[in-house]
Amino acid sequence: MRVKSRWFRGEREKSPQEIAGAMAFILWKIAQNALKNVRRADFYIEVGPQYFDFLAEFLIFLTQIADRIAYERLEEASRAAFTTELALRVAENLAENRDSLLGLPLGKCRSEFIDRLNERSNVYAEFGYGTEGPDFAFIRCLGHYILEHAQEKDKHWIVDQIVSVEAPDAVSTVQRAMRGLLDEES
């Protein structure tokens, strides 16, 4: 998946919050693309709560990946500002979309996402992230969280789809986007 992740040259240095805002938009696009790919692969994701549960789990995973990259490349205070803003922006994007489709209160959607993100962050923290990206257990964890929301007929294969196709593609895109937003050479 291709995403725009370059700032206009000659501009001032971007704040962690500005980088997070751009990254939140990119993560939303990546999660939507993964959902579209899974549906195209004949997995049934019903439009409604299941649709947003898939997106939430994928967005949490992507936020974890972006945070791990920020950990490697930003000073502690900048990383904290980046990750906090990223989580809030991702929560806002999800809540606005969920509200427009399902009519659920924005505040409730945001707080539910942030609660789930905090809960999942404790689990993802146990897994490794090296120069090549997340370890297998990190990616497999996403597959199992997605499995919790899968239709019964899809439970046999959806983890394989996530682990072997969707997560690696998404991680690669996040890595490229973060390099671009941090003005690093690709």
N, C-alpha and C. Protein backbone atom coordinates (compact mmCIF):
# COMPACT_ATOMS: atom_id res chain seq x y z
N MET A 1 0.85 -1.17 0.00
CA MET A 1 0.00 0.00 0.00
C MET A 1 0.89 1.23 0.00
N ARG A 2 0.53 2.19 -0.80
CA ARG A 2 1.28 3.45 -0.87
C ARG A 2 0.54 4.52 -0.09
N VAL A 3 1.30 5.28 0.69
CA VAL A 3 0.72 6.40 1.43
C VAL A 3 1.67 7.59 1.31
N LYS A 4 1.09 8.77 1.35
CA LYS A 4 1.91 9.99 1.34
C LYS A 4 2.43 10.20 2.75
N SER A 5 3.76 10.24 2.87
CA SER A 5 4.35 10.40 4.20
C SER A 5 5.57 11.32 4.16
N ARG A 6 5.55 12.25 3.23
CA ARG A 6 6.65 13.22 3.13
C ARG A 6 6.11 14.61 3.38
N TRP A 7 6.85 15.38 4.14
CA TRP A 7 6.51 16.77 4.35
C TRP A 7 7.03 17.57 3.17
N PHE A 8 6.44 18.71 2.93
CA PHE A 8 6.96 19.61 1.92
C PHE A 8 8.35 20.05 2.36
N ARG A 9 9.31 19.98 1.47
CA ARG A 9 10.69 20.36 1.80
C ARG A 9 10.78 21.85 2.11
N GLY A 10 11.77 22.20 2.91
CA GLY A 10 12.01 23.59 3.23
C GLY A 10 11.16 24.12 4.38
N GLU A 11 10.24 23.31 4.87
CA GLU A 11 9.42 23.75 5.99
C GLU A 11 10.16 23.54 7.31
N ARG A 12 9.62 24.09 8.34
CA ARG A 12 10.18 23.95 9.68
C ARG A 12 10.08 22.51 10.16
N GLU A 13 10.82 22.22 11.21
CA GLU A 13 10.75 20.90 11.82
C GLU A 13 9.36 20.69 12.41
N LYS A 14 8.84 19.51 12.29
CA LYS A 14 7.49 19.19 12.77
C LYS A 14 7.52 18.75 14.23
N SER A 15 6.48 19.14 14.94
CA SER A 15 6.36 18.72 16.34
C SER A 15 5.92 17.26 16.41
N PRO A 16 6.13 16.61 17.54
CA PRO A 16 5.64 15.23 17.69
C PRO A 16 4.13 15.14 17.48
N GLN A 17 3.40 16.18 17.90
CA GLN A 17 1.94 16.17 17.73
C GLN A 17 1.55 16.26 16.25
N GLU A 18 2.29 17.04 15.47
CA GLU A 18 2.00 17.14 14.04
C GLU A 18 2.31 15.82 13.34
N ILE A 19 3.40 15.21 13.72
CA ILE A 19 3.76 13.89 13.14
C ILE A 19 2.68 12.88 13.51
N ALA A 20 2.22 12.92 14.76
CA ALA A 20 1.18 11.99 15.21
C ALA A 20 -0.12 12.19 14.45
N GLY A 21 -0.48 13.45 14.18
CA GLY A 21 -1.69 13.72 13.43
C GLY A 21 -1.64 13.12 12.03
N ALA A 22 -0.50 13.29 11.37
CA ALA A 22 -0.33 12.70 10.03
C ALA A 22 -0.33 11.18 10.12
N MET A 23 0.34 10.65 11.13
CA MET A 23 0.42 9.20 11.28
C MET A 23 -0.94 8.60 11.60
N ALA A 24 -1.76 9.28 12.37
CA ALA A 24 -3.10 8.77 12.69
C ALA A 24 -3.92 8.59 11.41
N PHE A 25 -3.82 9.56 10.51
CA PHE A 25 -4.52 9.45 9.23
C PHE A 25 -4.00 8.26 8.43
N ILE A 26 -2.68 8.09 8.42
CA ILE A 26 -2.08 6.98 7.68
C ILE A 26 -2.50 5.64 8.29
N LEU A 27 -2.49 5.54 9.62
CA LEU A 27 -2.90 4.29 10.27
C LEU A 27 -4.35 3.94 9.94
N TRP A 28 -5.21 4.97 9.89
CA TRP A 28 -6.60 4.74 9.53
C TRP A 28 -6.69 4.13 8.13
N LYS A 29 -5.93 4.69 7.19
CA LYS A 29 -5.94 4.17 5.82
C LYS A 29 -5.41 2.74 5.75
N ILE A 30 -4.36 2.46 6.50
CA ILE A 30 -3.79 1.11 6.52
C ILE A 30 -4.79 0.11 7.09
N ALA A 31 -5.45 0.47 8.18
CA ALA A 31 -6.43 -0.44 8.80
C ALA A 31 -7.61 -0.67 7.86
N GLN A 32 -8.08 0.38 7.21
CA GLN A 32 -9.17 0.22 6.24
C GLN A 32 -8.75 -0.69 5.09
N ASN A 33 -7.52 -0.53 4.63
CA ASN A 33 -7.02 -1.37 3.55
C ASN A 33 -6.95 -2.84 3.97
N ALA A 34 -6.49 -3.08 5.20
CA ALA A 34 -6.43 -4.45 5.71
C ALA A 34 -7.83 -5.05 5.79
N LEU A 35 -8.79 -4.27 6.27
CA LEU A 35 -10.17 -4.74 6.34
C LEU A 35 -10.70 -5.07 4.95
N LYS A 36 -10.44 -4.20 4.01
CA LYS A 36 -10.88 -4.43 2.63
C LYS A 36 -10.24 -5.70 2.07
N ASN A 37 -8.95 -5.90 2.33
CA ASN A 37 -8.26 -7.10 1.84
C ASN A 37 -8.82 -8.37 2.46
N VAL A 38 -9.11 -8.33 3.75
CA VAL A 38 -9.66 -9.50 4.43
C VAL A 38 -11.04 -9.83 3.86
N ARG A 39 -11.83 -8.82 3.63
CA ARG A 39 -13.16 -9.05 3.05
C ARG A 39 -13.03 -9.59 1.62
N ARG A 40 -12.06 -9.07 0.88
CA ARG A 40 -11.83 -9.53 -0.50
C ARG A 40 -11.36 -10.98 -0.51
N ALA A 41 -10.70 -11.42 0.57
CA ALA A 41 -10.23 -12.80 0.69
C ALA A 41 -11.34 -13.73 1.18
N ASP A 42 -12.57 -13.24 1.14
CA ASP A 42 -13.77 -14.01 1.48
C ASP A 42 -13.96 -14.29 2.96
N PHE A 43 -13.39 -13.45 3.81
CA PHE A 43 -13.72 -13.50 5.22
C PHE A 43 -14.87 -12.53 5.43
N TYR A 44 -15.82 -12.94 6.22
CA TYR A 44 -17.02 -12.14 6.39
C TYR A 44 -16.86 -11.22 7.60
N ILE A 45 -16.81 -9.95 7.33
CA ILE A 45 -16.77 -8.93 8.38
C ILE A 45 -18.03 -8.09 8.19
N GLU A 46 -18.97 -8.28 9.08
CA GLU A 46 -20.26 -7.59 8.99
C GLU A 46 -20.10 -6.11 9.29
N VAL A 47 -20.73 -5.28 8.45
CA VAL A 47 -20.74 -3.85 8.71
C VAL A 47 -21.56 -3.62 9.97
N GLY A 48 -20.94 -3.01 10.94
CA GLY A 48 -21.56 -2.80 12.25
C GLY A 48 -20.50 -2.98 13.31
N PRO A 49 -20.87 -3.49 14.48
CA PRO A 49 -19.89 -3.64 15.56
C PRO A 49 -18.67 -4.49 15.18
N GLN A 50 -18.88 -5.58 14.43
CA GLN A 50 -17.76 -6.44 14.05
C GLN A 50 -16.75 -5.67 13.18
N TYR A 51 -17.23 -4.87 12.29
CA TYR A 51 -16.42 -4.04 11.41
C TYR A 51 -15.53 -3.12 12.24
N PHE A 52 -16.11 -2.46 13.23
CA PHE A 52 -15.35 -1.53 14.05
C PHE A 52 -14.45 -2.23 15.06
N ASP A 53 -14.83 -3.43 15.48
CA ASP A 53 -13.95 -4.21 16.35
C ASP A 53 -12.68 -4.61 15.59
N PHE A 54 -12.86 -5.03 14.33
CA PHE A 54 -11.69 -5.35 13.50
C PHE A 54 -10.79 -4.13 13.37
N LEU A 55 -11.40 -3.01 12.99
CA LEU A 55 -10.61 -1.78 12.83
C LEU A 55 -9.91 -1.39 14.13
N ALA A 56 -10.60 -1.48 15.25
CA ALA A 56 -10.01 -1.11 16.53
C ALA A 56 -8.80 -1.98 16.84
N GLU A 57 -8.93 -3.29 16.67
CA GLU A 57 -7.80 -4.19 16.95
C GLU A 57 -6.62 -3.89 16.03
N PHE A 58 -6.91 -3.66 14.77
CA PHE A 58 -5.84 -3.38 13.82
C PHE A 58 -5.19 -2.03 14.13
N LEU A 59 -5.99 -1.05 14.48
CA LEU A 59 -5.45 0.27 14.82
C LEU A 59 -4.60 0.22 16.09
N ILE A 60 -5.00 -0.58 17.04
CA ILE A 60 -4.20 -0.73 18.26
C ILE A 60 -2.85 -1.34 17.92
N PHE A 61 -2.85 -2.37 17.10
CA PHE A 61 -1.61 -3.00 16.66
C PHE A 61 -0.72 -1.99 15.94
N LEU A 62 -1.29 -1.24 15.02
CA LEU A 62 -0.52 -0.25 14.26
C LEU A 62 0.02 0.86 15.16
N THR A 63 -0.76 1.25 16.14
CA THR A 63 -0.31 2.26 17.10
C THR A 63 0.88 1.72 17.89
N GLN A 64 0.84 0.44 18.24
CA GLN A 64 1.97 -0.17 18.94
C GLN A 64 3.23 -0.16 18.07
N ILE A 65 3.05 -0.44 16.79
CA ILE A 65 4.19 -0.45 15.87
C ILE A 65 4.78 0.95 15.76
N ALA A 66 3.92 1.95 15.57
CA ALA A 66 4.39 3.33 15.46
C ALA A 66 5.10 3.76 16.75
N ASP A 67 4.57 3.35 17.89
CA ASP A 67 5.20 3.69 19.16
C ASP A 67 6.58 3.05 19.28
N ARG A 68 6.72 1.81 18.84
CA ARG A 68 8.03 1.14 18.91
C ARG A 68 9.05 1.86 18.03
N ILE A 69 8.61 2.31 16.87
CA ILE A 69 9.50 3.06 15.99
C ILE A 69 9.86 4.40 16.64
N ALA A 70 8.88 5.06 17.22
CA ALA A 70 9.13 6.33 17.91
C ALA A 70 10.11 6.12 19.06
N TYR A 71 10.00 5.02 19.75
CA TYR A 71 10.90 4.70 20.86
C TYR A 71 12.35 4.66 20.38
N GLU A 72 12.56 4.11 19.18
CA GLU A 72 13.91 4.00 18.62
C GLU A 72 14.44 5.34 18.12
N ARG A 73 13.55 6.24 17.70
CA ARG A 73 14.01 7.41 16.96
C ARG A 73 13.77 8.76 17.62
N LEU A 74 12.95 8.80 18.65
CA LEU A 74 12.63 10.08 19.29
C LEU A 74 13.13 10.09 20.73
N GLU A 75 13.41 11.29 21.21
CA GLU A 75 13.75 11.44 22.62
C GLU A 75 12.52 11.09 23.45
N GLU A 76 12.74 10.78 24.73
CA GLU A 76 11.67 10.29 25.58
C GLU A 76 10.46 11.23 25.63
N ALA A 77 10.69 12.52 25.82
CA ALA A 77 9.57 13.47 25.90
C ALA A 77 8.83 13.58 24.57
N SER A 78 9.57 13.57 23.47
CA SER A 78 8.94 13.64 22.15
C SER A 78 8.14 12.37 21.85
N ARG A 79 8.70 11.24 22.27
CA ARG A 79 7.98 9.98 22.06
C ARG A 79 6.68 9.97 22.85
N ALA A 80 6.73 10.42 24.09
CA ALA A 80 5.52 10.45 24.92
C ALA A 80 4.47 11.36 24.29
N ALA A 81 4.89 12.53 23.82
CA ALA A 81 3.96 13.46 23.18
C ALA A 81 3.39 12.86 21.89
N PHE A 82 4.25 12.21 21.11
CA PHE A 82 3.83 11.58 19.86
C PHE A 82 2.80 10.48 20.13
N THR A 83 3.12 9.58 21.03
CA THR A 83 2.26 8.42 21.27
C THR A 83 0.93 8.84 21.89
N THR A 84 0.96 9.79 22.79
CA THR A 84 -0.29 10.28 23.38
C THR A 84 -1.19 10.90 22.32
N GLU A 85 -0.62 11.77 21.51
CA GLU A 85 -1.40 12.42 20.46
C GLU A 85 -1.89 11.40 19.44
N LEU A 86 -1.03 10.45 19.08
CA LEU A 86 -1.42 9.41 18.13
C LEU A 86 -2.62 8.63 18.65
N ALA A 87 -2.57 8.20 19.90
CA ALA A 87 -3.67 7.43 20.48
C ALA A 87 -4.96 8.25 20.47
N LEU A 88 -4.86 9.52 20.85
CA LEU A 88 -6.06 10.37 20.87
C LEU A 88 -6.63 10.59 19.47
N ARG A 89 -5.76 10.81 18.51
CA ARG A 89 -6.23 11.04 17.13
C ARG A 89 -6.83 9.78 16.52
N VAL A 90 -6.20 8.65 16.75
CA VAL A 90 -6.73 7.38 16.25
C VAL A 90 -8.09 7.11 16.89
N ALA A 91 -8.20 7.34 18.19
CA ALA A 91 -9.47 7.16 18.89
C ALA A 91 -10.54 8.07 18.31
N GLU A 92 -10.17 9.31 18.03
CA GLU A 92 -11.11 10.27 17.45
C GLU A 92 -11.58 9.82 16.06
N ASN A 93 -10.65 9.39 15.22
CA ASN A 93 -11.02 8.91 13.88
C ASN A 93 -11.99 7.74 13.95
N LEU A 94 -11.67 6.78 14.80
CA LEU A 94 -12.53 5.60 14.95
C LEU A 94 -13.89 6.01 15.48
N ALA A 95 -13.92 6.86 16.50
CA ALA A 95 -15.18 7.29 17.12
C ALA A 95 -16.05 8.05 16.13
N GLU A 96 -15.46 8.95 15.37
CA GLU A 96 -16.25 9.71 14.39
C GLU A 96 -16.86 8.80 13.34
N ASN A 97 -16.10 7.84 12.86
CA ASN A 97 -16.61 6.92 11.86
C ASN A 97 -17.65 5.97 12.44
N ARG A 98 -17.41 5.52 13.63
CA ARG A 98 -18.37 4.62 14.29
C ARG A 98 -19.67 5.36 14.57
N ASP A 99 -19.56 6.61 15.01
CA ASP A 99 -20.74 7.43 15.27
C ASP A 99 -21.54 7.67 13.99
N SER A 100 -20.85 7.97 12.90
CA SER A 100 -21.58 8.26 11.66
C SER A 100 -22.28 7.02 11.11
N LEU A 101 -21.74 5.84 11.35
CA LEU A 101 -22.36 4.62 10.83
C LEU A 101 -23.35 4.01 11.82
N LEU A 102 -22.99 4.00 13.10
CA LEU A 102 -23.82 3.30 14.09
C LEU A 102 -24.55 4.22 15.05
N GLY A 103 -24.21 5.50 15.02
CA GLY A 103 -24.88 6.46 15.90
C GLY A 103 -24.55 6.30 17.36
N LEU A 104 -23.35 5.83 17.67
CA LEU A 104 -22.94 5.70 19.06
C LEU A 104 -22.27 6.99 19.53
N PRO A 105 -22.41 7.35 20.79
CA PRO A 105 -21.83 8.60 21.30
C PRO A 105 -20.31 8.64 21.12
N LEU A 106 -19.82 9.78 20.65
CA LEU A 106 -18.38 9.94 20.40
C LEU A 106 -17.55 9.69 21.64
N GLY A 107 -17.93 10.30 22.75
CA GLY A 107 -17.15 10.15 23.98
C GLY A 107 -17.04 8.71 24.43
N LYS A 108 -18.13 7.99 24.33
CA LYS A 108 -18.14 6.58 24.72
C LYS A 108 -17.22 5.76 23.80
N CYS A 109 -17.30 6.01 22.51
CA CYS A 109 -16.45 5.29 21.55
C CYS A 109 -14.97 5.58 21.80
N ARG A 110 -14.66 6.85 22.02
CA ARG A 110 -13.27 7.23 22.29
C ARG A 110 -12.74 6.55 23.55
N SER A 111 -13.51 6.64 24.62
CA SER A 111 -13.02 6.07 25.88
C SER A 111 -12.92 4.54 25.81
N GLU A 112 -13.84 3.89 25.11
CA GLU A 112 -13.75 2.43 24.95
C GLU A 112 -12.49 2.05 24.18
N PHE A 113 -12.19 2.82 23.13
CA PHE A 113 -10.99 2.54 22.35
C PHE A 113 -9.74 2.74 23.21
N ILE A 114 -9.66 3.85 23.92
CA ILE A 114 -8.49 4.14 24.75
C ILE A 114 -8.33 3.07 25.83
N ASP A 115 -9.43 2.64 26.43
CA ASP A 115 -9.37 1.56 27.43
C ASP A 115 -8.82 0.28 26.81
N ARG A 116 -9.31 -0.05 25.62
CA ARG A 116 -8.83 -1.27 24.95
C ARG A 116 -7.37 -1.11 24.56
N LEU A 117 -6.99 0.05 24.07
CA LEU A 117 -5.60 0.32 23.71
C LEU A 117 -4.69 0.14 24.93
N ASN A 118 -5.07 0.69 26.05
CA ASN A 118 -4.26 0.55 27.26
C ASN A 118 -4.14 -0.91 27.71
N GLU A 119 -5.25 -1.62 27.63
CA GLU A 119 -5.25 -3.04 28.00
C GLU A 119 -4.34 -3.84 27.07
N ARG A 120 -4.50 -3.61 25.77
CA ARG A 120 -3.70 -4.35 24.78
C ARG A 120 -2.22 -3.95 24.84
N SER A 121 -1.95 -2.69 25.17
CA SER A 121 -0.56 -2.23 25.24
C SER A 121 0.23 -3.03 26.25
N ASN A 122 -0.40 -3.38 27.35
CA ASN A 122 0.28 -4.20 28.37
C ASN A 122 0.65 -5.57 27.82
N VAL A 123 -0.19 -6.11 26.97
CA VAL A 123 0.09 -7.42 26.37
C VAL A 123 1.17 -7.29 25.29
N TYR A 124 1.01 -6.33 24.38
CA TYR A 124 1.98 -6.14 23.31
C TYR A 124 3.37 -5.80 23.86
N ALA A 125 3.43 -5.18 25.02
CA ALA A 125 4.71 -4.81 25.63
C ALA A 125 5.58 -6.03 25.92
N GLU A 126 4.96 -7.19 26.02
CA GLU A 126 5.70 -8.41 26.30
C GLU A 126 6.45 -8.94 25.08
N PHE A 127 6.13 -8.43 23.89
CA PHE A 127 6.70 -8.97 22.66
C PHE A 127 7.83 -8.09 22.14
N GLY A 128 8.70 -8.72 21.36
CA GLY A 128 9.87 -8.02 20.86
C GLY A 128 9.62 -7.25 19.57
N TYR A 129 10.45 -6.24 19.42
CA TYR A 129 10.45 -5.45 18.19
C TYR A 129 11.91 -5.12 17.90
N GLY A 130 12.44 -5.67 16.82
CA GLY A 130 13.85 -5.47 16.47
C GLY A 130 14.01 -4.65 15.20
N THR A 131 15.18 -4.72 14.64
CA THR A 131 15.47 -3.94 13.43
C THR A 131 14.59 -4.35 12.25
N GLU A 132 14.15 -5.57 12.25
CA GLU A 132 13.28 -6.05 11.17
C GLU A 132 11.81 -5.81 11.44
N GLY A 133 11.48 -5.38 12.65
CA GLY A 133 10.09 -5.14 13.00
C GLY A 133 9.65 -6.03 14.14
N PRO A 134 8.34 -6.25 14.24
CA PRO A 134 7.81 -7.05 15.36
C PRO A 134 8.17 -8.52 15.22
N ASP A 135 8.34 -9.18 16.36
CA ASP A 135 8.59 -10.61 16.31
C ASP A 135 7.29 -11.35 15.99
N PHE A 136 7.42 -12.64 15.75
CA PHE A 136 6.26 -13.43 15.33
C PHE A 136 5.15 -13.41 16.37
N ALA A 137 5.51 -13.46 17.66
CA ALA A 137 4.50 -13.46 18.72
C ALA A 137 3.70 -12.16 18.72
N PHE A 138 4.35 -11.05 18.42
CA PHE A 138 3.70 -9.74 18.35
C PHE A 138 2.60 -9.78 17.28
N ILE A 139 2.95 -10.28 16.10
CA ILE A 139 2.00 -10.36 14.99
C ILE A 139 0.92 -11.39 15.27
N ARG A 140 1.31 -12.51 15.83
CA ARG A 140 0.35 -13.58 16.15
C ARG A 140 -0.68 -13.09 17.17
N CYS A 141 -0.24 -12.23 18.08
CA CYS A 141 -1.15 -11.66 19.07
C CYS A 141 -2.27 -10.89 18.37
N LEU A 142 -1.92 -10.09 17.37
CA LEU A 142 -2.95 -9.39 16.59
C LEU A 142 -3.92 -10.40 15.99
N GLY A 143 -3.40 -11.47 15.40
CA GLY A 143 -4.26 -12.49 14.80
C GLY A 143 -5.26 -13.05 15.79
N HIS A 144 -4.83 -13.27 17.01
CA HIS A 144 -5.74 -13.81 18.02
C HIS A 144 -6.76 -12.78 18.50
N TYR A 145 -6.37 -11.51 18.54
CA TYR A 145 -7.37 -10.49 18.89
C TYR A 145 -8.41 -10.36 17.78
N ILE A 146 -7.99 -10.45 16.54
CA ILE A 146 -8.94 -10.42 15.42
C ILE A 146 -9.84 -11.65 15.47
N LEU A 147 -9.27 -12.79 15.84
CA LEU A 147 -10.02 -14.04 15.94
C LEU A 147 -11.21 -13.91 16.90
N GLU A 148 -11.05 -13.13 17.96
CA GLU A 148 -12.13 -12.94 18.93
C GLU A 148 -13.38 -12.34 18.29
N HIS A 149 -13.21 -11.64 17.17
CA HIS A 149 -14.33 -10.95 16.53
C HIS A 149 -14.76 -11.61 15.22
N ALA A 150 -14.13 -12.73 14.86
CA ALA A 150 -14.40 -13.38 13.58
C ALA A 150 -15.67 -14.22 13.63
N GLN A 151 -16.28 -14.38 12.48
CA GLN A 151 -17.41 -15.28 12.32
C GLN A 151 -16.92 -16.72 12.52
N GLU A 152 -17.80 -17.58 12.98
CA GLU A 152 -17.42 -18.96 13.25
C GLU A 152 -16.78 -19.64 12.04
N LYS A 153 -17.35 -19.41 10.86
CA LYS A 153 -16.83 -20.06 9.65
C LYS A 153 -15.43 -19.59 9.27
N ASP A 154 -15.02 -18.42 9.76
CA ASP A 154 -13.72 -17.85 9.42
C ASP A 154 -12.63 -18.14 10.45
N LYS A 155 -13.00 -18.71 11.57
CA LYS A 155 -12.06 -18.88 12.68
C LYS A 155 -10.89 -19.80 12.35
N HIS A 156 -11.05 -20.69 11.39
CA HIS A 156 -9.97 -21.61 11.05
C HIS A 156 -8.84 -20.94 10.29
N TRP A 157 -9.15 -19.88 9.55
CA TRP A 157 -8.15 -19.34 8.63
C TRP A 157 -7.81 -17.87 8.82
N ILE A 158 -8.58 -17.13 9.56
CA ILE A 158 -8.35 -15.69 9.62
C ILE A 158 -7.01 -15.33 10.28
N VAL A 159 -6.59 -16.10 11.26
CA VAL A 159 -5.29 -15.82 11.90
C VAL A 159 -4.17 -15.95 10.87
N ASP A 160 -4.24 -16.97 10.02
CA ASP A 160 -3.23 -17.14 8.98
C ASP A 160 -3.21 -15.94 8.03
N GLN A 161 -4.38 -15.46 7.66
CA GLN A 161 -4.47 -14.30 6.76
C GLN A 161 -3.83 -13.07 7.42
N ILE A 162 -4.11 -12.87 8.68
CA ILE A 162 -3.58 -11.72 9.40
C ILE A 162 -2.06 -11.85 9.55
N VAL A 163 -1.61 -13.00 10.00
CA VAL A 163 -0.18 -13.21 10.31
C VAL A 163 0.67 -13.24 9.05
N SER A 164 0.20 -13.88 8.01
CA SER A 164 1.05 -14.05 6.83
C SER A 164 0.90 -12.95 5.79
N VAL A 165 -0.23 -12.24 5.77
CA VAL A 165 -0.45 -11.26 4.71
C VAL A 165 -0.67 -9.85 5.26
N GLU A 166 -1.71 -9.66 6.02
CA GLU A 166 -2.13 -8.30 6.40
C GLU A 166 -1.14 -7.60 7.34
N ALA A 167 -0.74 -8.27 8.40
CA ALA A 167 0.17 -7.61 9.36
C ALA A 167 1.52 -7.27 8.74
N PRO A 168 2.17 -8.20 8.03
CA PRO A 168 3.47 -7.83 7.44
C PRO A 168 3.37 -6.65 6.46
N ASP A 169 2.33 -6.62 5.65
CA ASP A 169 2.15 -5.49 4.72
C ASP A 169 1.93 -4.20 5.49
N ALA A 170 1.11 -4.27 6.52
CA ALA A 170 0.81 -3.08 7.32
C ALA A 170 2.06 -2.57 8.04
N VAL A 171 2.84 -3.46 8.61
CA VAL A 171 4.06 -3.08 9.32
C VAL A 171 5.03 -2.39 8.36
N SER A 172 5.19 -2.95 7.19
CA SER A 172 6.07 -2.36 6.20
C SER A 172 5.63 -0.94 5.83
N THR A 173 4.34 -0.74 5.68
CA THR A 173 3.81 0.58 5.34
C THR A 173 4.02 1.56 6.49
N VAL A 174 3.79 1.12 7.72
CA VAL A 174 4.01 1.99 8.88
C VAL A 174 5.49 2.38 8.97
N GLN A 175 6.38 1.43 8.76
CA GLN A 175 7.80 1.72 8.83
C GLN A 175 8.21 2.77 7.79
N ARG A 176 7.74 2.60 6.56
CA ARG A 176 8.04 3.58 5.51
C ARG A 176 7.45 4.94 5.84
N ALA A 177 6.23 4.96 6.33
CA ALA A 177 5.56 6.22 6.66
C ALA A 177 6.29 6.94 7.79
N MET A 178 6.68 6.22 8.81
CA MET A 178 7.40 6.84 9.93
C MET A 178 8.74 7.40 9.47
N ARG A 179 9.46 6.66 8.62
CA ARG A 179 10.71 7.19 8.10
C ARG A 179 10.46 8.49 7.34
N GLY A 180 9.42 8.51 6.53
CA GLY A 180 9.10 9.70 5.76
C GLY A 180 8.70 10.87 6.65
N LEU A 181 7.86 10.62 7.62
CA LEU A 181 7.40 11.71 8.49
C LEU A 181 8.50 12.23 9.40
N LEU A 182 9.45 11.35 9.72
CA LEU A 182 10.59 11.78 10.54
C LEU A 182 11.74 12.30 9.68
N ASP A 183 11.49 12.44 8.37
CA ASP A 183 12.48 12.94 7.41
C ASP A 183 13.75 12.11 7.39
N GLU A 184 13.59 10.80 7.48
CA GLU A 184 14.73 9.90 7.39
C GLU A 184 14.78 9.35 5.98
N GLU A 185 15.95 8.97 5.54
CA GLU A 185 16.08 8.38 4.21
C GLU A 185 15.41 7.02 4.18
N SER A 186 14.73 6.73 3.09
CA SER A 186 14.01 5.45 2.97
C SER A 186 14.92 4.34 2.62
